[in-house]
Amino acid sequence: MNTYHFRHCNFNKTIGTVFTILFLGAACGLRAEDGVLVRSGQSIAFMGDSITDGGWGQAGGYVRLVVDAFTKKGIKITPIPAGVSGHKSTDMLARLDRDVITKKPDWMTLSCGVNDVMHGVNGVELDKYKQNIASIVNKAKAAGINVVILTSTPIGEEDNDNNRKLTAYNEFLRELAKDNHLQLADLSADFQSILKNYETTGSSRYLTVDGVHMNPNGNVVMAKGCLSAFGFSKADIENAEQSWLKQPNSAVFNIGNFDIRPNLALTLSQYRKLDQVAKSRNVDLSLFRTSIWLQATGEVIQGHANEPVLDPDKVNSEITTRLASKIEELVKEVK
């Protein structure tokens, strides 16, 4: 009897411990066995500005890479793009209901801060920014949406007044995520850890096209940061990046601030090999890409020099084909 009672008590204690662990796991948001927080069939809204808009709208954008990594993991998600160019925290708060809450996502990433600072006197000062972001988070949470906070990426890749001002905005985001037990993708820290290895100036373009918007390498950094916040392991993230190297449409050829830009999708490997060619020739990366495009454009236009009227669509198609051929030849230089 005493033996039975002892075992019975231990059994009850064990069961109680198990239920306590399960309860605490649910309450604290502990990850499932595979580590990923998002389940198949769930949806993710990506709230942000032009960086997020481009993250969905261009080949190899960070949002597309995130969705691709989920797919490779066997997790089917529904993306809800909610990036609008030029938007600040005031704008995102104003359209939160329309663009996110009414669509009932399970998750929302929030990327906001660059325009609040970069727009200067037309931006949003820190105190008001804090109120806006806190309201966005609280409204989303009240609607049952899990929020992932993204710290803001740099405004120019060098040390400057805007980036120094942005530091306080990012510190607030880190504190907000910690205080509210939210997942955090500290993209600012990720970018700085890379950029500190380079000599940066106002014209540096290691991770961006124009100092703000992402080039393919910047998109990869953003995607990896988001995936880590969603609970992907380092091995899963590395596997995803390796697949992007050979995957069509995992990068886009970009040339900076031209009004007319080529829209040529590449593999991530092709893009990175172009950078290697430029470095081997001791040529600025962005100028090298611009030069390739101008050469392709000039050659095609020269071929139509005697035609009284040009078909813009035909010419543009020929430029794209010529550009692709030039890139293919250049990347052969990299073994």
Protein backbone atom coordinates (compact mmCIF):
# COMPACT_ATOMS: atom_id res chain seq x y z
CA MET A 1 0.00 0.00 0.00
CA ASN A 2 2.74 2.40 0.91
CA THR A 3 4.67 1.45 -2.23
CA TYR A 4 1.62 1.98 -4.39
CA HIS A 5 0.96 5.32 -2.71
CA PHE A 6 4.55 6.41 -3.31
CA ARG A 7 4.42 5.49 -6.99
CA HIS A 8 0.96 7.00 -7.38
CA CYS A 9 2.17 10.29 -5.91
CA ASN A 10 5.22 10.31 -8.19
CA PHE A 11 2.98 9.57 -11.17
CA ASN A 12 0.68 12.47 -10.27
CA LYS A 13 3.67 14.70 -9.77
CA THR A 14 5.10 13.71 -13.14
CA ILE A 15 1.78 14.28 -14.92
CA GLY A 16 1.45 17.62 -13.17
CA THR A 17 4.94 18.62 -14.28
CA VAL A 18 4.19 17.64 -17.87
CA PHE A 19 0.99 19.69 -17.92
CA THR A 20 2.79 22.60 -16.31
CA ILE A 21 5.48 22.50 -19.00
CA LEU A 22 2.87 22.31 -21.74
CA PHE A 23 0.91 25.18 -20.24
CA LEU A 24 3.95 27.37 -19.76
CA GLY A 25 5.15 26.52 -23.25
CA ALA A 26 1.87 27.72 -24.73
CA ALA A 27 1.74 30.80 -22.54
CA CYS A 28 5.33 31.81 -23.23
CA GLY A 29 5.22 31.05 -26.93
CA LEU A 30 7.86 28.32 -26.84
CA ARG A 31 8.68 27.01 -30.26
CA ALA A 32 7.55 23.77 -31.72
CA GLU A 33 10.04 20.95 -32.04
CA ASP A 34 11.27 22.13 -35.45
CA GLY A 35 11.85 25.61 -34.06
CA VAL A 36 9.71 27.49 -36.58
CA LEU A 37 6.96 29.61 -35.06
CA VAL A 38 4.75 29.83 -38.15
CA ARG A 39 2.59 26.86 -39.04
CA SER A 40 1.56 25.75 -42.51
CA GLY A 41 -1.66 27.46 -43.60
CA GLN A 42 -0.97 30.66 -41.68
CA SER A 43 -0.61 34.11 -43.24
CA ILE A 44 1.99 36.84 -42.73
CA ALA A 45 1.40 40.53 -43.42
CA PHE A 46 4.53 42.50 -44.29
CA MET A 47 3.96 46.10 -43.18
CA GLY A 48 6.49 48.69 -44.25
CA ASP A 49 7.62 51.36 -46.67
CA SER A 50 9.30 51.23 -50.10
CA ILE A 51 11.90 48.76 -48.83
CA THR A 52 9.12 46.30 -48.04
CA ASP A 53 7.25 47.22 -51.21
CA GLY A 54 10.36 46.33 -53.20
CA GLY A 55 10.85 43.30 -51.00
CA TRP A 56 7.74 41.86 -52.63
CA GLY A 57 7.69 43.67 -55.96
CA GLN A 58 11.15 42.83 -57.30
CA ALA A 59 12.87 39.57 -58.12
CA GLY A 60 14.88 38.45 -55.11
CA GLY A 61 13.15 40.92 -52.78
CA TYR A 62 13.47 40.01 -49.11
CA VAL A 63 9.76 39.23 -48.71
CA ARG A 64 9.89 36.83 -51.64
CA LEU A 65 12.99 35.17 -50.22
CA VAL A 66 11.26 34.71 -46.85
CA VAL A 67 8.24 33.11 -48.52
CA ASP A 68 10.55 30.90 -50.59
CA ALA A 69 12.39 29.68 -47.49
CA PHE A 70 9.10 28.75 -45.83
CA THR A 71 8.11 26.81 -48.95
CA LYS A 72 11.42 24.94 -48.96
CA LYS A 73 10.82 24.09 -45.31
CA GLY A 74 7.48 22.56 -46.31
CA ILE A 75 5.48 25.36 -44.66
CA LYS A 76 2.85 26.89 -46.93
CA ILE A 77 2.15 30.49 -45.95
CA THR A 78 0.04 33.23 -47.48
CA PRO A 79 1.95 36.53 -47.81
CA ILE A 80 0.04 39.78 -47.45
CA PRO A 81 2.20 42.55 -48.97
CA ALA A 82 1.63 45.85 -47.14
CA GLY A 83 4.60 48.02 -48.10
CA VAL A 84 3.92 51.52 -49.45
CA SER A 85 6.67 53.80 -50.74
CA GLY A 86 7.37 56.88 -48.65
CA HIS A 87 5.27 55.83 -45.70
CA LYS A 88 6.12 56.76 -42.14
CA SER A 89 4.74 55.55 -38.81
CA THR A 90 1.79 57.97 -39.05
CA ASP A 91 0.83 56.56 -42.46
CA MET A 92 1.17 52.95 -41.36
CA LEU A 93 -0.98 53.54 -38.31
CA ALA A 94 -3.63 55.19 -40.49
CA ARG A 95 -3.85 52.23 -42.89
CA LEU A 96 -3.28 49.40 -40.42
CA ASP A 97 -6.95 48.39 -40.34
CA ARG A 98 -7.37 48.47 -44.12
CA ASP A 99 -4.09 46.83 -45.14
CA VAL A 100 -3.56 44.36 -42.31
CA ILE A 101 -6.21 43.86 -39.64
CA THR A 102 -9.16 43.40 -42.01
CA LYS A 103 -7.20 40.69 -43.81
CA LYS A 104 -6.85 38.73 -40.55
CA PRO A 105 -3.25 37.59 -40.78
CA ASP A 106 -1.73 35.33 -38.15
CA TRP A 107 1.52 37.32 -38.19
CA MET A 108 2.73 40.79 -39.11
CA THR A 109 6.27 42.03 -39.62
CA LEU A 110 6.66 45.74 -38.93
CA SER A 111 9.42 47.65 -40.72
CA CYS A 112 9.21 51.37 -39.99
CA GLY A 113 11.63 54.18 -39.20
CA VAL A 114 13.69 55.04 -42.26
CA ASN A 115 11.26 57.63 -43.64
CA ASP A 116 10.44 58.95 -40.17
CA VAL A 117 14.08 60.03 -39.90
CA MET A 118 15.14 60.51 -43.54
CA HIS A 119 12.32 62.96 -44.34
CA GLY A 120 13.78 65.51 -41.92
CA VAL A 121 11.31 68.27 -41.03
CA ASN A 122 8.59 66.28 -42.79
CA GLY A 123 9.47 63.17 -40.83
CA VAL A 124 8.23 61.98 -37.44
CA GLU A 125 10.13 62.90 -34.29
CA LEU A 126 11.00 60.22 -31.79
CA ASP A 127 8.27 60.84 -29.19
CA LYS A 128 5.51 60.77 -31.79
CA TYR A 129 7.14 57.79 -33.49
CA LYS A 130 7.05 55.88 -30.21
CA GLN A 131 3.35 56.60 -29.81
CA ASN A 132 2.57 55.54 -33.38
CA ILE A 133 4.54 52.29 -33.22
CA ALA A 134 3.11 51.38 -29.82
CA SER A 135 -0.41 51.98 -31.19
CA ILE A 136 0.30 49.79 -34.24
CA VAL A 137 1.58 46.98 -32.05
CA ASN A 138 -1.26 47.23 -29.54
CA LYS A 139 -3.94 47.28 -32.23
CA ALA A 140 -2.39 44.31 -34.00
CA LYS A 141 -2.07 42.32 -30.79
CA ALA A 142 -5.68 43.13 -29.85
CA ALA A 143 -6.70 41.66 -33.20
CA GLY A 144 -4.88 38.44 -32.37
CA ILE A 145 -1.94 39.10 -34.69
CA ASN A 146 1.57 38.02 -33.69
CA VAL A 147 3.94 40.93 -34.32
CA VAL A 148 7.57 40.67 -35.41
CA ILE A 149 9.55 43.90 -35.03
CA LEU A 150 12.23 44.76 -37.60
CA THR A 151 14.80 47.36 -36.62
CA SER A 152 15.44 49.89 -39.37
CA THR A 153 18.16 49.39 -41.94
CA PRO A 154 20.65 52.21 -42.56
CA ILE A 155 20.06 55.54 -44.30
CA GLY A 156 23.28 55.53 -46.29
CA GLU A 157 25.88 52.88 -45.57
CA GLU A 158 28.31 55.27 -43.88
CA ASP A 159 28.23 57.01 -40.51
CA ASN A 160 26.10 60.13 -40.93
CA ASP A 161 23.62 62.37 -39.10
CA ASN A 162 20.60 60.35 -40.20
CA ASN A 163 22.04 57.07 -38.98
CA ARG A 164 23.06 58.62 -35.68
CA LYS A 165 19.50 59.91 -35.25
CA LEU A 166 18.08 56.54 -36.27
CA THR A 167 19.96 54.86 -33.41
CA ALA A 168 17.43 56.07 -30.83
CA TYR A 169 14.52 54.84 -32.96
CA ASN A 170 16.06 51.39 -33.17
CA GLU A 171 16.81 51.31 -29.45
CA PHE A 172 13.13 52.00 -28.82
CA LEU A 173 12.13 49.13 -31.13
CA ARG A 174 14.41 46.73 -29.26
CA GLU A 175 12.95 47.80 -25.91
CA LEU A 176 9.40 47.56 -27.24
CA ALA A 177 9.98 44.04 -28.51
CA LYS A 178 11.52 42.98 -25.21
CA ASP A 179 8.82 44.56 -23.04
CA ASN A 180 6.02 43.03 -25.13
CA HIS A 181 7.67 39.63 -25.64
CA LEU A 182 7.69 40.10 -29.40
CA GLN A 183 10.00 38.45 -31.89
CA LEU A 184 12.76 40.81 -33.04
CA ALA A 185 14.70 40.85 -36.30
CA ASP A 186 17.55 43.20 -35.45
CA LEU A 187 18.36 44.12 -39.04
CA SER A 188 20.19 47.28 -38.01
CA ALA A 189 22.68 45.21 -36.04
CA ASP A 190 22.94 42.69 -38.89
CA PHE A 191 23.75 45.41 -41.40
CA GLN A 192 26.26 47.13 -39.14
CA SER A 193 28.07 43.85 -38.44
CA ILE A 194 28.66 43.52 -42.19
CA LEU A 195 29.36 47.16 -43.04
CA LYS A 196 31.96 47.50 -40.30
CA ASN A 197 34.20 45.23 -42.37
CA TYR A 198 34.27 47.76 -45.23
CA GLU A 199 35.56 51.26 -45.68
CA THR A 200 32.27 53.09 -46.19
CA THR A 201 31.61 56.51 -47.69
CA GLY A 202 28.56 58.39 -48.93
CA SER A 203 28.78 56.46 -52.20
CA SER A 204 29.13 52.99 -50.66
CA ARG A 205 26.76 50.44 -52.14
CA TYR A 206 27.64 47.09 -50.55
CA LEU A 207 24.10 46.22 -49.43
CA THR A 208 21.94 48.87 -51.08
CA VAL A 209 21.23 50.33 -54.52
CA ASP A 210 21.14 53.95 -53.42
CA GLY A 211 22.10 53.91 -49.75
CA VAL A 212 18.58 52.94 -48.64
CA HIS A 213 16.87 50.44 -50.94
CA MET A 214 18.18 46.91 -51.05
CA ASN A 215 20.43 45.36 -53.64
CA PRO A 216 20.35 41.53 -53.77
CA ASN A 217 22.90 41.20 -50.97
CA GLY A 218 20.86 43.52 -48.75
CA ASN A 219 17.71 41.56 -49.51
CA VAL A 220 19.46 38.37 -48.40
CA VAL A 221 20.53 39.99 -45.11
CA MET A 222 16.98 41.17 -44.46
CA ALA A 223 15.47 37.78 -45.34
CA LYS A 224 17.90 35.92 -43.10
CA GLY A 225 17.15 38.26 -40.20
CA CYS A 226 13.40 37.73 -40.63
CA LEU A 227 13.77 33.96 -40.90
CA SER A 228 15.83 33.88 -37.71
CA ALA A 229 13.11 35.86 -35.90
CA PHE A 230 10.55 33.32 -37.14
CA GLY A 231 12.60 30.54 -35.55
CA PHE A 232 14.50 29.11 -38.50
CA SER A 233 17.72 27.37 -37.51
CA LYS A 234 21.08 28.53 -38.80
CA ALA A 235 21.28 25.36 -40.87
CA ASP A 236 17.87 26.01 -42.48
CA ILE A 237 18.85 29.59 -43.28
CA GLU A 238 22.16 28.50 -44.75
CA ASN A 239 20.39 25.88 -46.88
CA ALA A 240 17.96 28.51 -48.14
CA GLU A 241 20.78 30.89 -49.08
CA GLN A 242 22.66 28.12 -50.88
CA SER A 243 19.54 27.34 -52.92
CA TRP A 244 19.13 31.02 -53.87
CA LEU A 245 22.60 30.99 -55.42
CA LYS A 246 21.38 28.78 -58.27
CA GLN A 247 17.72 29.73 -58.27
CA PRO A 248 16.33 31.91 -61.10
CA ASN A 249 14.79 35.21 -59.97
CA SER A 250 16.66 35.20 -56.67
CA ALA A 251 18.33 38.51 -57.57
CA VAL A 252 17.82 41.45 -59.89
CA PHE A 253 20.32 43.47 -61.91
CA ASN A 254 20.32 47.01 -60.53
CA ILE A 255 22.12 50.21 -61.50
CA GLY A 256 21.25 52.84 -58.92
CA ASN A 257 19.28 56.04 -59.43
CA PHE A 258 18.56 56.01 -63.16
CA ASP A 259 14.97 56.84 -64.06
CA ILE A 260 15.03 54.01 -66.61
CA ARG A 261 16.31 50.82 -65.06
CA PRO A 262 16.78 47.36 -66.52
CA ASN A 263 14.49 44.70 -65.18
CA LEU A 264 16.67 41.63 -65.53
CA ALA A 265 16.29 38.81 -63.05
CA LEU A 266 19.41 36.81 -62.17
CA THR A 267 20.47 34.06 -59.86
CA LEU A 268 22.10 35.26 -56.66
CA SER A 269 25.29 33.54 -57.82
CA GLN A 270 25.37 35.57 -61.06
CA TYR A 271 24.92 38.79 -59.13
CA ARG A 272 27.70 37.99 -56.68
CA LYS A 273 30.05 36.87 -59.44
CA LEU A 274 29.55 40.23 -61.17
CA ASP A 275 30.70 41.87 -57.96
CA GLN A 276 33.75 39.61 -57.92
CA VAL A 277 34.61 40.61 -61.48
CA ALA A 278 34.34 44.29 -60.56
CA LYS A 279 36.59 43.80 -57.54
CA SER A 280 39.15 41.90 -59.62
CA ARG A 281 39.26 44.90 -61.98
CA ASN A 282 39.37 47.36 -59.06
CA VAL A 283 36.19 49.03 -60.31
CA ASP A 284 33.34 50.46 -58.22
CA LEU A 285 30.54 47.89 -58.08
CA SER A 286 27.62 50.16 -58.92
CA LEU A 287 29.55 51.97 -61.67
CA PHE A 288 30.55 48.63 -63.15
CA ARG A 289 26.93 47.48 -63.38
CA THR A 290 25.87 50.83 -64.84
CA SER A 291 28.63 50.62 -67.43
CA ILE A 292 27.53 47.15 -68.55
CA TRP A 293 23.97 48.37 -69.02
CA LEU A 294 25.05 51.50 -70.91
CA GLN A 295 27.23 49.42 -73.20
CA ALA A 296 24.38 47.03 -73.97
CA THR A 297 22.03 49.98 -74.54
CA GLY A 298 24.48 51.76 -76.81
CA GLU A 299 25.15 48.67 -78.91
CA VAL A 300 21.45 48.05 -79.47
CA ILE A 301 20.68 51.69 -80.29
CA GLN A 302 23.60 51.78 -82.73
CA GLY A 303 22.10 48.80 -84.51
CA HIS A 304 18.93 50.81 -85.13
CA ALA A 305 20.73 54.03 -86.07
CA ASN A 306 19.32 54.17 -89.61
CA GLU A 307 15.72 53.49 -88.62
CA PRO A 308 13.46 56.60 -88.70
CA VAL A 309 11.20 55.26 -85.92
CA LEU A 310 12.08 52.90 -83.10
CA ASP A 311 9.76 50.45 -81.39
CA PRO A 312 10.46 51.07 -77.66
CA ASP A 313 9.28 47.61 -76.58
CA LYS A 314 11.42 45.90 -79.19
CA VAL A 315 14.47 47.98 -78.34
CA ASN A 316 14.04 47.37 -74.62
CA SER A 317 13.72 43.63 -75.22
CA GLU A 318 16.91 43.65 -77.28
CA ILE A 319 18.75 45.59 -74.58
CA THR A 320 17.68 43.06 -71.97
CA THR A 321 18.86 40.20 -74.18
CA ARG A 322 22.17 41.91 -74.90
CA LEU A 323 22.65 42.70 -71.21
CA ALA A 324 21.97 39.09 -70.22
CA SER A 325 24.54 37.92 -72.77
CA LYS A 326 27.17 40.33 -71.44
CA ILE A 327 26.56 39.20 -67.87
CA GLU A 328 26.80 35.55 -68.88
CA GLU A 329 30.20 36.17 -70.45
CA LEU A 330 31.48 38.21 -67.51
CA VAL A 331 30.57 35.68 -64.83
CA LYS A 332 32.60 33.05 -66.71
CA GLU A 333 35.67 34.93 -65.46
CA VAL A 334 34.92 33.68 -61.96
CA LYS A 335 35.97 30.09 -61.44
